[in-house]
């Protein structure tokens, strides 16, 4: 028996891998999504090292080493306010600003001394690198440690990223998730989607040049081109599912891990003061939060005063995540700078979630069967809210022209009409009905890549196909050439026959005369 135990331990050690996880986006919602993944990988015996702005800090996870970038956790708040202000302008301009102005933060994170030491450590070895697939400038980690890599996104992949892994895209069937279009886009939306794809390609090329400088600065000049490194991806994990997102064809290298609350944590007791407030709200309560990147203060004083006036008229308690102070707030409004959102959404007295439409927030609300009122600002939020409205489990409003009566009517409609809660409950049941959870799927495919030292056999043939072949220009050309030759042959034969007939006719006439 003792021998069997020893053999089991040896097998477990032999199957363990050294994994490096790199998540450089400072936002808490981005970081929180990865935490259950790192935890589960380390519990399975893998030696996991993460570079993160929000470490888990759990002494029980002896296989987890964390390089803490916490000093940069709030480094993007000024940029976020500017992005919100750009909401009414050209979307391409907003996207360009969003990505290019995040690069200085990535630059600082890569230059952080512990990260610098890891890059320069000649003895460091890893079997797999897992990257938040937003920044090309971190792709060299896989080249530096000569191992395969997996890309991972906290949202569904934008079309440009799917294209880079060889997944077919279609601007009319599947508009990009940074566009506020839902299913069955109109002609105007399809034209906008097509033009956006062209514009985004230019932004991506611009980003490649900027990130090339970061690669040379932090890793060296002897690294492959960014495009080549990007195409060497083994798998791309996306936080999406066919119930809520586009029901699109996917190549084997793209793995959907969303739908069942990938990042959800087990229920925990609420802070006592919040618990007492929500328990006392026997008539129900509204939870209002714009997430971690968008702050409620961004709404402006006029809009905030309007909302407070509406809340004062409602027979519900309102729990509002608000970073600043609110003077003259109604008695039924409770303000807190931080709230354990998942556990608030699990409370049985909740009636409505007013949200910015972030992917993680909506996942948590769907899993808790809570209908929503979406007020999107940027990124994938307008797309998510449009989907929410189309699917029928919430309503959406534009924060730029938010009016008192439309705001109040939307709240009353979603709370008072049971169809919204019934729909979100049904969608949650559909999303959870899978052969394995998203986390289990991510773990299985991660270990698959480790076992096979990569997944080049899953590489999409589209990556090796010239653009003119993908567009069938050579096939169309060959068909047109064949058709032209056939028509020319037919014309030549007909002309020859006509000449022959005319010649015989002329000869007969001469003989007759």
Protein backbone atom coordinates (compact mmCIF):
# COMPACT_ATOMS: atom_id res chain seq x y z
CA UNK A 1 0.00 0.00 0.00
CA UNK A 2 2.84 2.36 0.92
CA UNK A 3 4.55 1.58 -2.38
CA UNK A 4 1.35 2.45 -4.26
CA UNK A 5 1.13 5.80 -2.49
CA UNK A 6 4.78 6.57 -3.34
CA UNK A 7 4.21 5.65 -6.98
CA UNK A 8 1.13 7.89 -7.08
CA UNK A 9 3.15 10.78 -5.68
CA UNK A 10 5.89 10.21 -8.25
CA UNK A 11 3.35 10.21 -11.06
CA UNK A 12 1.83 13.42 -9.73
CA UNK A 13 5.22 15.12 -9.56
CA UNK A 14 6.18 13.90 -13.02
CA UNK A 15 3.02 15.37 -14.54
CA UNK A 16 3.49 18.76 -12.88
CA UNK A 17 4.54 21.65 -15.12
CA UNK A 18 6.13 25.05 -14.63
CA UNK A 19 3.62 27.68 -15.79
CA UNK A 20 4.10 31.42 -16.14
CA UNK A 21 0.97 33.59 -16.13
CA UNK A 22 1.21 37.20 -17.33
CA UNK A 23 -1.76 39.55 -16.81
CA UNK A 24 -0.75 43.19 -17.15
CA UNK A 25 -4.10 45.00 -17.33
CA UNK A 26 -4.34 46.82 -13.95
CA UNK A 27 -8.16 46.67 -13.72
CA UNK A 28 -9.47 44.48 -10.90
CA UNK A 29 -12.15 42.85 -13.07
CA UNK A 30 -9.49 41.63 -15.51
CA UNK A 31 -7.31 40.24 -12.75
CA UNK A 32 -10.15 38.62 -10.77
CA UNK A 33 -11.15 36.55 -13.79
CA UNK A 34 -7.80 34.71 -13.73
CA UNK A 35 -7.61 34.02 -10.00
CA UNK A 36 -9.66 30.76 -9.93
CA UNK A 37 -7.56 29.52 -12.86
CA UNK A 38 -4.22 30.13 -11.11
CA UNK A 39 -5.60 28.63 -7.91
CA UNK A 40 -6.82 25.44 -9.60
CA UNK A 41 -3.62 24.96 -11.60
CA UNK A 42 -1.51 25.27 -8.45
CA UNK A 43 -3.79 22.90 -6.51
CA UNK A 44 -3.30 20.32 -9.27
CA UNK A 45 0.42 20.32 -8.53
CA UNK A 46 1.68 22.69 -11.21
CA UNK A 47 4.31 25.24 -10.23
CA UNK A 48 2.61 28.51 -11.17
CA UNK A 49 4.32 31.90 -11.30
CA UNK A 50 2.11 34.91 -12.04
CA UNK A 51 2.82 38.54 -12.88
CA UNK A 52 -0.24 40.40 -11.61
CA UNK A 53 -1.45 43.68 -10.12
CA UNK A 54 -3.91 41.85 -7.84
CA UNK A 55 -2.25 38.79 -6.26
CA UNK A 56 -4.27 36.11 -4.47
CA UNK A 57 -1.97 36.14 -1.40
CA UNK A 58 -3.05 32.74 -0.10
CA UNK A 59 -0.33 31.07 1.96
CA UNK A 60 -2.03 27.69 1.46
CA UNK A 61 -1.19 27.79 -2.26
CA UNK A 62 2.39 26.61 -1.84
CA UNK A 63 2.81 26.05 -5.59
CA UNK A 64 1.88 29.64 -6.45
CA UNK A 65 4.53 32.37 -6.72
CA UNK A 66 3.23 35.88 -7.38
CA UNK A 67 5.15 38.88 -8.71
CA UNK A 68 3.10 41.68 -7.20
CA UNK A 69 2.58 44.75 -9.41
CA UNK A 70 0.03 46.22 -7.00
CA UNK A 71 1.62 49.67 -7.05
CA UNK A 72 0.25 50.05 -10.59
CA UNK A 73 -3.28 48.85 -9.76
CA UNK A 74 -4.96 52.24 -10.34
CA UNK A 75 -2.63 53.40 -13.09
CA UNK A 76 -5.31 53.72 -15.79
CA UNK A 77 -8.06 55.68 -14.02
CA UNK A 78 -7.20 58.98 -15.72
CA UNK A 79 -7.28 57.27 -19.10
CA UNK A 80 -10.64 55.67 -18.30
CA UNK A 81 -12.23 59.06 -17.67
CA UNK A 82 -10.92 60.30 -21.02
CA UNK A 83 -12.26 57.19 -22.79
CA UNK A 84 -15.69 57.83 -21.29
CA UNK A 85 -15.55 61.43 -22.53
CA UNK A 86 -14.78 60.14 -26.04
CA UNK A 87 -17.93 58.02 -26.01
CA UNK A 88 -19.82 60.26 -28.46
CA UNK A 89 -16.94 60.61 -30.92
CA UNK A 90 -15.70 58.29 -33.65
CA UNK A 91 -15.39 54.74 -32.32
CA UNK A 92 -12.08 54.15 -34.11
CA UNK A 93 -10.66 57.16 -32.28
CA UNK A 94 -11.87 55.77 -28.95
CA UNK A 95 -10.32 52.35 -29.68
CA UNK A 96 -7.03 53.93 -30.76
CA UNK A 97 -6.91 56.03 -27.59
CA UNK A 98 -7.84 53.08 -25.41
CA UNK A 99 -5.00 50.89 -26.65
CA UNK A 100 -2.22 53.38 -27.38
CA UNK A 101 -2.58 55.16 -24.02
CA UNK A 102 -2.40 51.87 -22.15
CA UNK A 103 1.06 51.10 -23.58
CA UNK A 104 2.96 53.41 -21.18
CA UNK A 105 1.51 51.36 -18.31
CA UNK A 106 2.58 48.12 -20.00
CA UNK A 107 6.02 49.68 -20.46
CA UNK A 108 6.27 50.44 -16.74
CA UNK A 109 5.05 46.97 -15.76
CA UNK A 110 7.60 45.24 -17.99
CA UNK A 111 10.32 47.47 -16.51
CA UNK A 112 9.35 46.66 -12.90
CA UNK A 113 12.52 45.25 -11.23
CA UNK A 114 11.12 41.78 -10.31
CA UNK A 115 9.78 41.37 -13.87
CA UNK A 116 13.09 42.56 -15.27
CA UNK A 117 14.92 40.02 -13.09
CA UNK A 118 12.71 37.19 -14.35
CA UNK A 119 13.34 38.12 -17.99
CA UNK A 120 17.09 38.27 -17.38
CA UNK A 121 17.28 35.10 -15.25
CA UNK A 122 19.20 32.59 -17.38
CA UNK A 123 18.22 29.71 -15.06
CA UNK A 124 14.45 30.36 -15.26
CA UNK A 125 12.55 27.60 -17.07
CA UNK A 126 8.86 27.25 -17.96
CA UNK A 127 6.87 24.60 -19.81
CA UNK A 128 3.99 26.91 -20.69
CA UNK A 129 3.22 30.63 -20.74
CA UNK A 130 -0.38 31.86 -20.34
CA UNK A 131 -0.90 35.48 -21.43
CA UNK A 132 -3.76 37.94 -21.23
CA UNK A 133 -4.09 38.25 -24.99
CA UNK A 134 -4.41 42.02 -25.22
CA UNK A 135 -0.83 43.16 -25.61
CA UNK A 136 1.53 41.94 -28.34
CA UNK A 137 4.48 43.26 -26.36
CA UNK A 138 4.25 40.36 -23.90
CA UNK A 139 4.36 37.64 -26.58
CA UNK A 140 8.18 37.43 -26.27
CA UNK A 141 7.78 35.73 -22.88
CA UNK A 142 7.02 32.50 -24.77
CA UNK A 143 10.02 32.98 -27.05
CA UNK A 144 12.25 33.93 -24.11
CA UNK A 145 11.44 30.68 -22.30
CA UNK A 146 11.21 28.61 -25.49
CA UNK A 147 7.82 27.11 -24.70
CA UNK A 148 4.26 27.15 -26.09
CA UNK A 149 1.78 29.78 -25.01
CA UNK A 150 -1.96 30.10 -24.49
CA UNK A 151 -3.75 33.41 -24.93
CA UNK A 152 -6.68 34.22 -22.65
CA UNK A 153 -9.32 36.96 -22.73
CA UNK A 154 -11.81 38.10 -20.11
CA UNK A 155 -14.25 38.94 -22.92
CA UNK A 156 -15.15 37.43 -26.27
CA UNK A 157 -12.38 37.96 -28.81
CA UNK A 158 -12.64 40.97 -31.13
CA UNK A 159 -12.69 39.99 -34.80
CA UNK A 160 -9.14 41.26 -35.33
CA UNK A 161 -7.83 38.83 -32.70
CA UNK A 162 -9.82 35.92 -34.11
CA UNK A 163 -8.37 36.70 -37.52
CA UNK A 164 -4.84 36.56 -36.08
CA UNK A 165 -5.41 32.98 -34.90
CA UNK A 166 -6.86 31.95 -38.26
CA UNK A 167 -10.53 31.99 -37.32
CA UNK A 168 -12.87 33.09 -40.15
CA UNK A 169 -14.71 36.35 -39.49
CA UNK A 170 -17.61 38.09 -41.20
CA UNK A 171 -18.43 41.74 -40.58
CA UNK A 172 -22.16 41.34 -41.38
CA UNK A 173 -22.87 37.99 -39.70
CA UNK A 174 -20.66 38.62 -36.67
CA UNK A 175 -20.06 42.35 -36.06
CA UNK A 176 -17.13 43.07 -33.79
CA UNK A 177 -17.89 43.04 -30.07
CA UNK A 178 -16.61 46.61 -29.76
CA UNK A 179 -19.53 47.72 -31.94
CA UNK A 180 -22.99 48.30 -30.38
CA UNK A 181 -24.71 46.01 -32.90
CA UNK A 182 -26.72 42.95 -32.07
CA UNK A 183 -28.10 40.09 -34.13
CA UNK A 184 -29.44 40.90 -37.60
CA UNK A 185 -27.73 44.28 -38.12
CA UNK A 186 -29.35 46.78 -40.47
CA UNK A 187 -27.78 47.78 -43.79
CA UNK A 188 -26.35 50.93 -42.18
CA UNK A 189 -24.86 48.86 -39.37
CA UNK A 190 -23.41 46.34 -41.83
CA UNK A 191 -21.73 49.14 -43.76
CA UNK A 192 -20.41 50.59 -40.50
CA UNK A 193 -19.19 47.17 -39.44
CA UNK A 194 -17.30 46.68 -42.71
CA UNK A 195 -15.68 50.12 -42.52
CA UNK A 196 -14.82 49.55 -38.86
CA UNK A 197 -12.99 46.31 -39.75
CA UNK A 198 -10.88 48.23 -42.25
CA UNK A 199 -10.18 50.99 -39.73
CA UNK A 200 -9.34 48.56 -36.94
CA UNK A 201 -6.78 46.86 -39.17
CA UNK A 202 -5.00 50.21 -39.49
CA UNK A 203 -5.09 50.68 -35.70
CA UNK A 204 -3.68 47.17 -35.25
CA UNK A 205 -0.80 47.91 -37.63
CA UNK A 206 -0.11 51.14 -35.75
CA UNK A 207 -0.11 49.22 -32.46
CA UNK A 208 2.30 46.64 -33.90
CA UNK A 209 4.85 49.36 -34.61
CA UNK A 210 4.49 50.87 -31.12
CA UNK A 211 4.74 47.49 -29.40
CA UNK A 212 7.72 46.51 -31.51
CA UNK A 213 9.60 49.28 -29.69
CA UNK A 214 8.56 47.83 -26.31
CA UNK A 215 9.73 44.36 -27.36
CA UNK A 216 13.16 45.69 -28.33
CA UNK A 217 13.39 47.74 -25.15
CA UNK A 218 12.53 44.99 -22.66
CA UNK A 219 13.47 41.75 -24.44
CA UNK A 220 15.97 42.64 -27.16
CA UNK A 221 16.20 43.12 -30.90
CA UNK A 222 16.73 39.45 -31.81
CA UNK A 223 13.07 38.41 -31.45
CA UNK A 224 10.80 37.36 -34.33
CA UNK A 225 8.31 39.85 -35.80
CA UNK A 226 5.21 40.38 -33.65
CA UNK A 227 2.94 38.84 -36.28
CA UNK A 228 5.01 35.65 -36.35
CA UNK A 229 4.95 35.37 -32.55
CA UNK A 230 1.18 35.96 -32.52
CA UNK A 231 0.57 33.18 -35.05
CA UNK A 232 2.50 30.67 -32.91
CA UNK A 233 -0.30 30.64 -30.33
CA UNK A 234 -1.37 27.15 -29.21
CA UNK A 235 -4.86 28.03 -27.98
CA UNK A 236 -6.98 31.10 -27.32
CA UNK A 237 -9.38 30.95 -24.34
CA UNK A 238 -12.29 33.40 -24.68
CA UNK A 239 -14.86 34.30 -22.05
CA UNK A 240 -17.83 33.62 -24.32
CA UNK A 241 -20.53 31.05 -25.01
CA UNK A 242 -23.02 30.48 -27.85
CA UNK A 243 -26.00 31.30 -25.61
CA UNK A 244 -25.16 34.95 -25.08
CA UNK A 245 -22.49 35.74 -27.68
CA UNK A 246 -22.28 35.20 -31.43
CA UNK A 247 -23.15 31.63 -32.39
CA UNK A 248 -20.23 31.48 -34.81
CA UNK A 249 -17.99 28.74 -36.27
CA UNK A 250 -14.72 28.40 -34.35
CA UNK A 251 -11.46 26.70 -35.25
CA UNK A 252 -10.17 24.13 -32.69
CA UNK A 253 -7.58 26.62 -31.42
CA UNK A 254 -10.33 28.89 -30.03
CA UNK A 255 -11.89 27.53 -26.84
CA UNK A 256 -14.96 29.12 -25.26
CA UNK A 257 -14.78 28.98 -21.45
CA UNK A 258 -17.69 31.30 -20.61
CA UNK A 259 -21.33 30.74 -19.83
CA UNK A 260 -21.25 29.31 -16.33
CA UNK A 261 -19.50 32.00 -14.33
CA UNK A 262 -15.88 30.99 -14.92
CA UNK A 263 -14.51 33.36 -12.29
CA UNK A 264 -17.26 32.98 -9.69
CA UNK A 265 -16.17 32.33 -6.12
CA UNK A 266 -18.04 30.35 -3.43
CA UNK A 267 -20.63 32.31 -1.41
CA UNK A 268 -19.23 34.31 1.49
CA UNK A 269 -20.97 36.23 4.29
CA UNK A 270 -21.66 39.87 3.48
CA UNK A 271 -20.20 42.60 5.71
CA UNK A 272 -22.52 42.86 8.70
CA UNK A 273 -23.70 46.41 7.97
CA UNK A 274 -24.57 45.54 4.36
CA UNK A 275 -26.24 42.28 5.44
CA UNK A 276 -28.50 44.16 7.85
CA UNK A 277 -29.47 46.73 5.20
CA UNK A 278 -30.33 44.09 2.57
CA UNK A 279 -32.17 41.82 5.00
CA UNK A 280 -34.28 44.79 6.09
CA UNK A 281 -35.19 45.58 2.46
CA UNK A 282 -38.20 43.25 2.50
CA UNK A 283 -39.73 45.16 -0.42
CA UNK A 284 -36.62 44.50 -2.46
CA UNK A 285 -33.46 46.42 -3.31
CA UNK A 286 -31.68 47.75 -6.39
CA UNK A 287 -27.94 47.25 -6.75
CA UNK A 288 -26.15 49.97 -8.73
CA UNK A 289 -22.51 49.60 -9.79
CA UNK A 290 -20.58 50.73 -12.84
CA UNK A 291 -17.72 48.30 -12.19
CA UNK A 292 -14.07 48.99 -11.41
CA UNK A 293 -12.99 50.85 -14.57
CA UNK A 294 -15.95 53.23 -14.84
CA UNK A 295 -16.71 55.19 -11.71
CA UNK A 296 -20.12 56.58 -10.87
CA UNK A 297 -18.53 60.01 -10.47
CA UNK A 298 -17.95 60.01 -14.25
CA UNK A 299 -21.71 60.49 -14.70
CA UNK A 300 -21.50 64.14 -13.68
CA UNK A 301 -23.26 66.07 -10.93
CA UNK A 302 -26.41 66.79 -12.94
CA UNK A 303 -27.01 63.13 -13.85
CA UNK A 304 -26.25 61.97 -10.30
CA UNK A 305 -28.77 64.45 -8.84
CA UNK A 306 -31.37 63.26 -11.36
CA UNK A 307 -30.81 59.62 -10.37
CA UNK A 308 -31.06 60.43 -6.67
CA UNK A 309 -34.37 62.16 -7.33
CA UNK A 310 -35.71 59.05 -9.11
CA UNK A 311 -34.45 56.72 -6.36
CA UNK A 312 -36.22 58.85 -3.74
CA UNK A 313 -39.55 58.14 -5.45
CA UNK A 314 -39.09 54.35 -5.54
CA UNK A 315 -40.28 51.95 -2.82
CA UNK A 316 -36.95 50.08 -2.89
CA UNK A 317 -33.65 50.33 -1.09
CA UNK A 318 -30.84 51.34 -3.45
CA UNK A 319 -27.32 50.04 -2.78
CA UNK A 320 -24.90 52.18 -4.80
CA UNK A 321 -21.18 51.48 -5.27
CA UNK A 322 -19.89 55.03 -5.30
CA UNK A 323 -16.27 56.08 -4.77
CA UNK A 324 -16.95 59.64 -3.61
CA UNK A 325 -19.36 61.28 -1.23
CA UNK A 326 -23.00 62.11 -1.95
CA UNK A 327 -24.58 64.99 -0.11
CA UNK A 328 -28.34 65.17 0.40
CA UNK A 329 -28.92 61.54 -0.55
CA UNK A 330 -32.40 60.06 0.06
CA UNK A 331 -32.93 57.83 3.10
CA UNK A 332 -33.44 54.73 0.91
CA UNK A 333 -30.03 55.13 -0.79
CA UNK A 334 -27.03 53.40 0.79
CA UNK A 335 -23.59 54.26 -0.58
CA UNK A 336 -20.40 52.19 -0.26
CA UNK A 337 -16.98 52.59 -1.87
CA UNK A 338 -16.54 48.83 -2.25
CA UNK A 339 -18.99 45.93 -2.25
CA UNK A 340 -18.61 42.14 -2.66
CA UNK A 341 -20.64 42.12 -5.85
CA UNK A 342 -21.17 38.38 -6.28
CA UNK A 343 -22.62 38.03 -2.79
CA UNK A 344 -24.78 41.13 -3.17
CA UNK A 345 -26.24 39.66 -6.38
CA UNK A 346 -26.92 36.37 -4.57
CA UNK A 347 -29.11 38.05 -1.93
CA UNK A 348 -32.75 36.91 -2.26
CA UNK A 349 -34.16 40.44 -1.91
CA UNK A 350 -32.49 41.84 -5.02
CA UNK A 351 -34.85 43.15 -7.73
CA UNK A 352 -32.58 44.83 -10.27
CA UNK A 353 -28.93 45.34 -11.15
CA UNK A 354 -28.03 48.67 -12.79
CA UNK A 355 -24.75 47.98 -14.55
CA UNK A 356 -22.32 49.38 -17.11
CA UNK A 357 -22.57 46.09 -19.01
CA UNK A 358 -19.12 44.69 -18.26
CA UNK A 359 -18.71 41.02 -19.14
CA UNK A 360 -17.88 39.80 -15.62
CA UNK A 361 -20.67 41.83 -14.01
CA UNK A 362 -23.23 40.48 -16.46
CA UNK A 363 -21.99 36.91 -16.01
CA UNK A 364 -22.43 37.20 -12.25
CA UNK A 365 -25.92 38.69 -12.60
CA UNK A 366 -27.03 36.03 -15.10
CA UNK A 367 -25.84 33.22 -12.85
CA UNK A 368 -27.77 34.80 -9.95
CA UNK A 369 -30.90 35.22 -12.15
CA UNK A 370 -30.97 39.01 -11.71
CA UNK A 371 -32.51 41.17 -14.50
CA UNK A 372 -30.54 44.25 -15.51
CA UNK A 373 -30.65 47.84 -16.66
CA UNK A 374 -27.56 48.54 -18.74
CA UNK A 375 -25.87 51.95 -19.05
CA UNK A 376 -22.81 51.22 -21.26
CA UNK A 377 -19.78 53.46 -21.67
CA UNK A 378 -17.02 51.92 -23.80
CA UNK A 379 -15.34 48.72 -25.03
CA UNK A 380 -17.63 45.71 -25.26
CA UNK A 381 -20.22 47.26 -22.93
CA UNK A 382 -22.52 48.68 -25.68
CA UNK A 383 -22.41 45.30 -27.47
CA UNK A 384 -23.24 43.44 -24.24
CA UNK A 385 -26.16 45.73 -23.41
CA UNK A 386 -27.53 45.47 -26.95
CA UNK A 387 -27.38 41.67 -26.59
CA UNK A 388 -29.11 41.91 -23.22
CA UNK A 389 -31.97 43.88 -24.74
CA UNK A 390 -32.24 41.54 -27.75
CA UNK A 391 -32.24 38.47 -25.51
CA UNK A 392 -34.98 40.01 -23.36
CA UNK A 393 -33.52 40.00 -19.85
CA UNK A 394 -33.00 43.74 -19.44
CA UNK A 395 -33.17 47.22 -20.91
CA UNK A 396 -30.49 49.69 -22.00
CA UNK A 397 -30.09 53.46 -21.75
CA UNK A 398 -27.55 55.94 -23.13
CA UNK A 399 -25.78 57.79 -20.31
CA UNK A 400 -25.14 60.81 -22.55
CA UNK A 401 -28.83 61.65 -22.95
CA UNK A 402 -30.23 60.06 -19.82
CA UNK A 403 -33.52 61.69 -18.77
CA UNK A 404 -35.42 61.44 -15.53
CA UNK A 405 -38.60 59.88 -16.87
CA UNK A 406 -36.94 57.32 -19.16
CA UNK A 407 -34.65 56.27 -16.30
CA UNK A 408 -37.57 55.84 -13.89
CA UNK A 409 -39.73 54.00 -16.43
CA UNK A 410 -36.94 51.59 -17.29
CA UNK A 411 -36.43 50.69 -13.63
CA UNK A 412 -40.15 50.20 -13.04
CA UNK A 413 -40.53 48.11 -16.22
CA UNK A 414 -37.70 45.67 -15.47
CA UNK A 415 -38.71 45.23 -11.82
CA UNK A 416 -42.45 45.05 -12.48
CA UNK A 417 -42.43 42.74 -15.52
CA UNK A 418 -41.61 39.14 -14.60
CA UNK A 419 -40.57 38.28 -18.18
CA UNK A 420 -37.10 39.77 -17.60
CA UNK A 421 -36.32 37.60 -14.58
CA UNK A 422 -37.88 34.54 -16.23
CA UNK A 423 -35.73 35.06 -19.34
CA UNK A 424 -32.46 35.51 -17.44
CA UNK A 425 -33.24 32.39 -15.39
CA UNK A 426 -33.78 30.35 -18.55
CA UNK A 427 -30.59 31.67 -20.14
CA UNK A 428 -28.58 30.81 -17.02
CA UNK A 429 -29.91 27.26 -17.12
CA UNK A 430 -28.98 26.93 -20.80
CA UNK A 431 -25.50 28.33 -20.21
CA UNK A 432 -24.81 25.94 -17.32
CA UNK A 433 -25.97 22.87 -19.25
CA UNK A 434 -22.52 21.87 -20.52
CA UNK A 435 -20.51 18.63 -20.29
CA UNK A 436 -17.96 20.43 -18.10
CA UNK A 437 -17.57 23.86 -16.53
CA UNK A 438 -15.57 26.59 -18.19
CA UNK A 439 -12.86 26.27 -15.55
CA UNK A 440 -12.63 22.50 -16.03
CA UNK A 441 -12.43 23.01 -19.79
CA UNK A 442 -9.64 25.57 -19.43
CA UNK A 443 -7.67 23.26 -17.11
CA UNK A 444 -8.10 20.25 -19.44
CA UNK A 445 -6.92 22.15 -22.53
CA UNK A 446 -4.05 23.73 -20.61
CA UNK A 447 -2.77 20.31 -19.58
CA UNK A 448 -3.37 19.10 -23.15
CA UNK A 449 -0.95 21.76 -24.42
CA UNK A 450 1.55 20.79 -21.71
CA UNK A 451 1.30 17.07 -22.57
CA UNK A 452 1.90 17.67 -26.27
CA UNK A 453 4.37 20.58 -25.84
CA UNK A 454 2.13 22.84 -27.84
CA UNK A 455 -0.78 22.43 -30.22
CA UNK A 456 0.65 23.15 -33.65
CA UNK A 457 -1.52 20.35 -35.05
CA UNK A 458 -4.56 22.55 -34.24
CA UNK A 459 -3.15 25.50 -36.17
CA UNK A 460 -5.73 26.95 -38.57
CA UNK A 461 -4.86 26.47 -42.27
CA UNK A 462 -6.16 30.00 -42.81
CA UNK A 463 -2.90 31.34 -41.33
CA UNK A 464 -0.96 29.80 -44.20
CA UNK A 465 -3.43 30.73 -46.94
CA UNK A 466 -2.63 33.79 -49.11
CA UNK A 467 -5.34 36.45 -48.97
CA UNK A 468 -6.20 36.08 -52.66
CA UNK A 469 -6.84 32.34 -52.15
CA UNK A 470 -9.03 33.03 -49.10
CA UNK A 471 -11.11 35.44 -51.20
CA UNK A 472 -11.21 32.81 -53.98
CA UNK A 473 -9.74 35.31 -56.45
CA UNK A 474 -7.57 32.62 -58.06
CA UNK A 475 -10.56 30.27 -58.34
CA UNK A 476 -12.77 33.01 -59.75
CA UNK A 477 -9.96 33.96 -62.14
CA UNK A 478 -9.55 30.35 -63.27
CA UNK A 479 -13.31 30.00 -63.81
CA UNK A 480 -13.47 33.28 -65.73
CA UNK A 481 -10.49 32.24 -67.83
CA UNK A 482 -12.09 28.85 -68.52
CA UNK A 483 -15.41 30.49 -69.35
CA UNK A 484 -13.67 33.02 -71.60
CA UNK A 485 -11.75 30.30 -73.41
CA UNK A 486 -14.94 28.29 -73.85
CA UNK A 487 -16.81 31.28 -75.24
CA UNK A 488 -13.91 32.11 -77.54
CA UNK A 489 -13.80 28.50 -78.73
CA UNK A 490 -17.54 28.48 -79.34
CA UNK A 491 -17.31 31.81 -81.15
CA UNK A 492 -14.40 30.53 -83.27
CA UNK A 493 -16.25 27.32 -84.16
CA UNK A 494 -19.44 29.22 -84.99
CA UNK A 495 -17.52 31.71 -87.09
CA UNK A 496 -15.75 28.89 -88.94
CA UNK A 497 -19.05 27.10 -89.58
CA UNK A 498 -20.64 30.30 -90.86
CA UNK A 499 -17.71 30.88 -93.18
CA UNK A 500 -17.91 27.30 -94.40
CA UNK A 501 -21.64 27.57 -95.06
CA UNK A 502 -21.19 30.87 -96.85
CA UNK A 503 -18.34 29.41 -98.93
CA UNK A 504 -20.46 26.41 -99.97
CA UNK A 505 -23.41 28.68 -100.71
CA UNK A 506 -21.27 30.92 -102.92
CA UNK A 507 -19.79 27.91 -104.71
CA UNK A 508 -23.28 26.47 -105.39
CA UNK A 509 -24.50 29.77 -106.79
CA UNK A 510 -21.54 29.95 -109.16
CA UNK A 511 -22.20 26.43 -110.42
CA UNK A 512 -25.89 27.22 -110.94
CA UNK A 513 -25.09 30.31 -113.01
